Amino acid sequence: MLSVTAAASAALTIALTGVALADPPPPGNCGTGLGYENSRYAYCASGNGFVRVKLTCANDYTKRTTIYGKWVPVPNVPPSTVSSARCTSSYPYVMSVGYETKPL
């Protein structure tokens, strides 16, 4: 009887260890949107981790700079916590909008 209990305990320990080591799903269902006063935002509606918006801004279409929003936790759905950023007055033209994610 003791050997059956020990074997069952070992099997349960292995099963629980496998569940504990499973990685959470990465951020998903992400997108960007237009904010107020020429700002942009990024969000992810599923998964776990962080997301931030990434803007490429230009000055007279010849000089460019990249501006990032702050990292915010995922999942998030507008208008709750989103990552937002705005091009500066020195680089006022939005050339592209994207986002970056990082899993937990």
N, C-alpha and C. Protein backbone atom coordinates (compact mmCIF):
# COMPACT_ATOMS: atom_id res chain seq x y z
N MET A 1 0.83 -1.19 0.00
CA MET A 1 0.00 0.00 0.00
C MET A 1 0.87 1.25 0.00
N LEU A 2 1.96 1.22 0.72
CA LEU A 2 2.84 2.38 0.80
C LEU A 2 3.47 2.67 -0.54
N SER A 3 3.85 1.66 -1.30
CA SER A 3 4.49 1.88 -2.59
C SER A 3 3.50 2.47 -3.60
N VAL A 4 2.23 2.12 -3.52
CA VAL A 4 1.22 2.70 -4.40
C VAL A 4 1.03 4.17 -4.06
N THR A 5 0.99 4.50 -2.78
CA THR A 5 0.82 5.89 -2.35
C THR A 5 2.03 6.73 -2.77
N ALA A 6 3.21 6.19 -2.62
CA ALA A 6 4.42 6.92 -3.02
C ALA A 6 4.44 7.14 -4.53
N ALA A 7 4.05 6.15 -5.30
CA ALA A 7 4.01 6.30 -6.75
C ALA A 7 2.96 7.32 -7.17
N ALA A 8 1.80 7.30 -6.54
CA ALA A 8 0.76 8.27 -6.84
C ALA A 8 1.21 9.68 -6.47
N SER A 9 1.90 9.80 -5.35
CA SER A 9 2.41 11.11 -4.92
C SER A 9 3.45 11.64 -5.90
N ALA A 10 4.32 10.77 -6.38
CA ALA A 10 5.34 11.18 -7.35
C ALA A 10 4.70 11.61 -8.66
N ALA A 11 3.69 10.89 -9.11
CA ALA A 11 2.99 11.25 -10.35
C ALA A 11 2.30 12.59 -10.21
N LEU A 12 1.67 12.83 -9.06
CA LEU A 12 0.99 14.10 -8.81
C LEU A 12 1.99 15.25 -8.77
N THR A 13 3.14 15.02 -8.15
CA THR A 13 4.18 16.06 -8.08
C THR A 13 4.67 16.42 -9.48
N ILE A 14 4.89 15.44 -10.32
CA ILE A 14 5.34 15.69 -11.69
C ILE A 14 4.27 16.45 -12.47
N ALA A 15 3.02 16.07 -12.31
CA ALA A 15 1.92 16.74 -13.02
C ALA A 15 1.80 18.19 -12.58
N LEU A 16 1.87 18.43 -11.28
CA LEU A 16 1.74 19.81 -10.78
C LEU A 16 2.94 20.65 -11.18
N THR A 17 4.12 20.07 -11.21
CA THR A 17 5.31 20.80 -11.63
C THR A 17 5.17 21.24 -13.08
N GLY A 18 4.66 20.39 -13.94
CA GLY A 18 4.46 20.74 -15.34
C GLY A 18 3.48 21.88 -15.50
N VAL A 19 2.44 21.92 -14.71
CA VAL A 19 1.46 23.01 -14.78
C VAL A 19 2.08 24.31 -14.29
N ALA A 20 2.87 24.25 -13.24
CA ALA A 20 3.48 25.45 -12.67
C ALA A 20 4.50 26.06 -13.62
N LEU A 21 5.12 25.26 -14.47
CA LEU A 21 6.15 25.77 -15.36
C LEU A 21 5.61 26.29 -16.70
N ALA A 22 4.33 26.15 -16.94
CA ALA A 22 3.75 26.61 -18.21
C ALA A 22 3.85 28.13 -18.30
N ASP A 23 4.31 28.62 -19.45
CA ASP A 23 4.43 30.06 -19.66
C ASP A 23 3.07 30.67 -19.91
N PRO A 24 2.83 31.88 -19.39
CA PRO A 24 1.57 32.57 -19.71
C PRO A 24 1.58 32.98 -21.18
N PRO A 25 0.42 33.14 -21.78
CA PRO A 25 0.39 33.53 -23.19
C PRO A 25 0.95 34.94 -23.38
N PRO A 26 1.66 35.20 -24.47
CA PRO A 26 2.22 36.53 -24.72
C PRO A 26 1.10 37.51 -25.09
N PRO A 27 1.40 38.82 -25.07
CA PRO A 27 0.39 39.80 -25.47
C PRO A 27 -0.14 39.52 -26.87
N GLY A 28 -1.44 39.68 -27.04
CA GLY A 28 -2.05 39.43 -28.33
C GLY A 28 -3.23 40.37 -28.57
N ASN A 29 -3.81 40.28 -29.76
CA ASN A 29 -4.92 41.15 -30.16
C ASN A 29 -4.56 42.61 -29.92
N CYS A 30 -3.38 43.01 -30.40
CA CYS A 30 -2.86 44.36 -30.18
C CYS A 30 -3.23 45.28 -31.35
N GLY A 31 -3.26 46.56 -31.07
CA GLY A 31 -3.55 47.53 -32.10
C GLY A 31 -3.14 48.93 -31.67
N THR A 32 -3.31 49.87 -32.57
CA THR A 32 -3.00 51.27 -32.30
C THR A 32 -4.21 52.11 -32.65
N GLY A 33 -4.22 53.32 -32.13
CA GLY A 33 -5.33 54.22 -32.42
C GLY A 33 -4.90 55.67 -32.35
N LEU A 34 -5.78 56.53 -32.82
CA LEU A 34 -5.53 57.97 -32.84
C LEU A 34 -6.04 58.57 -31.54
N GLY A 35 -5.17 59.28 -30.84
CA GLY A 35 -5.54 59.95 -29.60
C GLY A 35 -5.88 61.40 -29.86
N TYR A 36 -5.88 62.18 -28.82
CA TYR A 36 -6.18 63.61 -28.95
C TYR A 36 -4.92 64.39 -29.32
N GLU A 37 -5.12 65.53 -29.96
CA GLU A 37 -4.02 66.44 -30.34
C GLU A 37 -2.84 65.72 -30.99
N ASN A 38 -3.11 64.92 -32.02
CA ASN A 38 -2.07 64.26 -32.79
C ASN A 38 -1.28 63.22 -32.00
N SER A 39 -1.85 62.69 -30.93
CA SER A 39 -1.17 61.62 -30.21
C SER A 39 -1.68 60.27 -30.71
N ARG A 40 -0.94 59.23 -30.41
CA ARG A 40 -1.32 57.88 -30.80
C ARG A 40 -1.23 56.98 -29.57
N TYR A 41 -1.97 55.87 -29.59
CA TYR A 41 -1.89 54.94 -28.47
C TYR A 41 -1.82 53.51 -28.97
N ALA A 42 -1.39 52.61 -28.07
CA ALA A 42 -1.32 51.18 -28.37
C ALA A 42 -1.93 50.41 -27.21
N TYR A 43 -2.49 49.26 -27.54
CA TYR A 43 -3.11 48.41 -26.52
C TYR A 43 -3.05 46.95 -26.97
N CYS A 44 -3.22 46.05 -26.03
CA CYS A 44 -3.38 44.62 -26.32
C CYS A 44 -4.55 44.12 -25.49
N ALA A 45 -5.45 43.39 -26.11
CA ALA A 45 -6.67 42.96 -25.44
C ALA A 45 -6.57 41.57 -24.83
N SER A 46 -5.48 40.85 -25.06
CA SER A 46 -5.37 39.52 -24.48
C SER A 46 -3.91 39.19 -24.19
N GLY A 47 -3.70 38.10 -23.48
CA GLY A 47 -2.36 37.67 -23.12
C GLY A 47 -1.88 38.33 -21.85
N ASN A 48 -0.61 38.14 -21.55
CA ASN A 48 0.00 38.71 -20.36
C ASN A 48 1.35 39.30 -20.72
N GLY A 49 1.67 40.43 -20.13
CA GLY A 49 2.93 41.10 -20.38
C GLY A 49 2.76 42.60 -20.41
N PHE A 50 3.46 43.24 -21.34
CA PHE A 50 3.46 44.70 -21.43
C PHE A 50 3.44 45.13 -22.89
N VAL A 51 2.94 46.34 -23.14
CA VAL A 51 2.91 46.91 -24.48
C VAL A 51 3.27 48.39 -24.38
N ARG A 52 3.88 48.93 -25.44
CA ARG A 52 4.12 50.37 -25.53
C ARG A 52 4.01 50.80 -26.98
N VAL A 53 3.56 52.03 -27.18
CA VAL A 53 3.43 52.59 -28.52
C VAL A 53 4.80 53.06 -29.00
N LYS A 54 5.00 53.02 -30.31
CA LYS A 54 6.26 53.45 -30.92
C LYS A 54 5.92 54.35 -32.10
N LEU A 55 6.35 55.60 -32.04
CA LEU A 55 6.10 56.57 -33.11
C LEU A 55 7.40 56.93 -33.81
N THR A 56 7.34 57.05 -35.12
CA THR A 56 8.43 57.65 -35.87
C THR A 56 7.94 59.03 -36.28
N CYS A 57 8.64 60.05 -35.81
CA CYS A 57 8.24 61.44 -36.06
C CYS A 57 9.30 62.13 -36.91
N ALA A 58 8.87 63.09 -37.72
CA ALA A 58 9.79 63.76 -38.65
C ALA A 58 9.71 65.27 -38.51
N ASN A 59 10.81 65.92 -38.90
CA ASN A 59 10.91 67.37 -38.97
C ASN A 59 11.17 67.69 -40.43
N ASP A 60 10.24 68.34 -41.10
CA ASP A 60 10.37 68.68 -42.52
C ASP A 60 10.60 67.46 -43.40
N TYR A 61 10.22 66.29 -42.95
CA TYR A 61 10.33 65.03 -43.68
C TYR A 61 11.76 64.64 -44.03
N THR A 62 12.76 65.25 -43.39
CA THR A 62 14.15 64.88 -43.66
C THR A 62 14.83 64.27 -42.43
N LYS A 63 14.51 64.76 -41.26
CA LYS A 63 15.09 64.23 -40.02
C LYS A 63 14.00 63.48 -39.27
N ARG A 64 14.38 62.33 -38.72
CA ARG A 64 13.41 61.50 -38.01
C ARG A 64 13.90 61.15 -36.62
N THR A 65 12.95 60.89 -35.74
CA THR A 65 13.25 60.42 -34.39
C THR A 65 12.17 59.43 -33.98
N THR A 66 12.52 58.57 -33.05
CA THR A 66 11.57 57.59 -32.54
C THR A 66 11.18 57.97 -31.13
N ILE A 67 9.90 57.96 -30.87
CA ILE A 67 9.36 58.30 -29.55
C ILE A 67 8.54 57.12 -29.07
N TYR A 68 8.76 56.74 -27.81
CA TYR A 68 8.06 55.60 -27.22
C TYR A 68 7.13 56.07 -26.10
N GLY A 69 6.02 55.37 -25.96
CA GLY A 69 5.16 55.57 -24.81
C GLY A 69 5.67 54.72 -23.66
N LYS A 70 5.05 54.84 -22.50
CA LYS A 70 5.48 54.03 -21.36
C LYS A 70 4.92 52.61 -21.50
N TRP A 71 5.63 51.66 -20.89
CA TRP A 71 5.16 50.28 -20.87
C TRP A 71 3.94 50.20 -19.98
N VAL A 72 2.88 49.55 -20.44
CA VAL A 72 1.67 49.36 -19.64
C VAL A 72 1.34 47.87 -19.62
N PRO A 73 0.70 47.40 -18.54
CA PRO A 73 0.40 45.98 -18.44
C PRO A 73 -0.69 45.53 -19.41
N VAL A 74 -0.60 44.30 -19.82
CA VAL A 74 -1.57 43.66 -20.72
C VAL A 74 -2.27 42.58 -19.91
N PRO A 75 -3.56 42.33 -20.07
CA PRO A 75 -4.41 42.87 -21.12
C PRO A 75 -4.94 44.24 -20.75
N ASN A 76 -5.21 45.04 -21.76
CA ASN A 76 -5.87 46.33 -21.59
C ASN A 76 -6.73 46.59 -22.82
N VAL A 77 -7.78 47.30 -22.62
CA VAL A 77 -8.71 47.59 -23.71
C VAL A 77 -9.04 49.08 -23.62
N PRO A 78 -8.95 49.84 -24.70
CA PRO A 78 -9.28 51.26 -24.63
C PRO A 78 -10.69 51.44 -24.12
N PRO A 79 -10.99 52.46 -23.36
CA PRO A 79 -10.09 53.56 -22.99
C PRO A 79 -9.39 53.37 -21.65
N SER A 80 -9.24 52.13 -21.17
CA SER A 80 -8.52 51.93 -19.92
C SER A 80 -7.04 52.20 -20.13
N THR A 81 -6.19 51.55 -19.40
CA THR A 81 -4.76 51.82 -19.46
C THR A 81 -4.20 51.48 -20.84
N VAL A 82 -3.73 52.49 -21.55
CA VAL A 82 -3.08 52.31 -22.84
C VAL A 82 -1.75 53.05 -22.81
N SER A 83 -0.86 52.68 -23.69
CA SER A 83 0.40 53.39 -23.84
C SER A 83 0.20 54.47 -24.89
N SER A 84 0.51 55.71 -24.55
CA SER A 84 0.32 56.79 -25.51
C SER A 84 1.59 57.64 -25.62
N ALA A 85 1.73 58.28 -26.78
CA ALA A 85 2.86 59.17 -27.04
C ALA A 85 2.42 60.19 -28.09
N ARG A 86 3.18 61.27 -28.17
CA ARG A 86 2.87 62.35 -29.11
C ARG A 86 4.17 62.88 -29.68
N CYS A 87 4.17 63.18 -30.95
CA CYS A 87 5.35 63.78 -31.56
C CYS A 87 5.58 65.17 -30.95
N THR A 88 6.83 65.56 -30.83
CA THR A 88 7.18 66.85 -30.22
C THR A 88 7.04 67.98 -31.23
N SER A 89 7.13 69.20 -30.75
CA SER A 89 7.05 70.35 -31.66
C SER A 89 8.26 70.42 -32.58
N SER A 90 9.38 69.84 -32.18
CA SER A 90 10.58 69.80 -33.04
C SER A 90 10.44 68.77 -34.15
N TYR A 91 9.67 67.74 -33.91
CA TYR A 91 9.41 66.67 -34.89
C TYR A 91 7.89 66.44 -34.93
N PRO A 92 7.16 67.35 -35.56
CA PRO A 92 5.70 67.32 -35.45
C PRO A 92 4.96 66.35 -36.37
N TYR A 93 5.62 65.77 -37.36
CA TYR A 93 4.93 64.94 -38.34
C TYR A 93 5.02 63.45 -37.99
N VAL A 94 3.88 62.80 -37.86
CA VAL A 94 3.85 61.36 -37.59
C VAL A 94 4.08 60.62 -38.90
N MET A 95 5.17 59.86 -38.96
CA MET A 95 5.50 59.10 -40.16
C MET A 95 4.99 57.66 -40.07
N SER A 96 5.07 57.07 -38.88
CA SER A 96 4.56 55.71 -38.70
C SER A 96 4.20 55.48 -37.24
N VAL A 97 3.29 54.55 -37.03
CA VAL A 97 2.83 54.19 -35.69
C VAL A 97 2.90 52.68 -35.56
N GLY A 98 3.43 52.22 -34.47
CA GLY A 98 3.51 50.80 -34.20
C GLY A 98 3.50 50.56 -32.69
N TYR A 99 3.85 49.35 -32.31
CA TYR A 99 3.91 49.03 -30.89
C TYR A 99 4.95 47.94 -30.67
N GLU A 100 5.40 47.83 -29.44
CA GLU A 100 6.32 46.77 -29.03
C GLU A 100 5.67 46.05 -27.87
N THR A 101 5.88 44.75 -27.78
CA THR A 101 5.37 43.97 -26.65
C THR A 101 6.51 43.22 -25.99
N LYS A 102 6.30 42.89 -24.73
CA LYS A 102 7.22 41.98 -24.04
C LYS A 102 6.39 41.11 -23.11
N PRO A 103 6.63 39.81 -23.14
CA PRO A 103 5.87 38.90 -22.28
C PRO A 103 6.35 38.99 -20.84
N LEU A 104 5.59 38.40 -19.95
CA LEU A 104 5.99 38.37 -18.53
C LEU A 104 7.25 37.57 -18.36
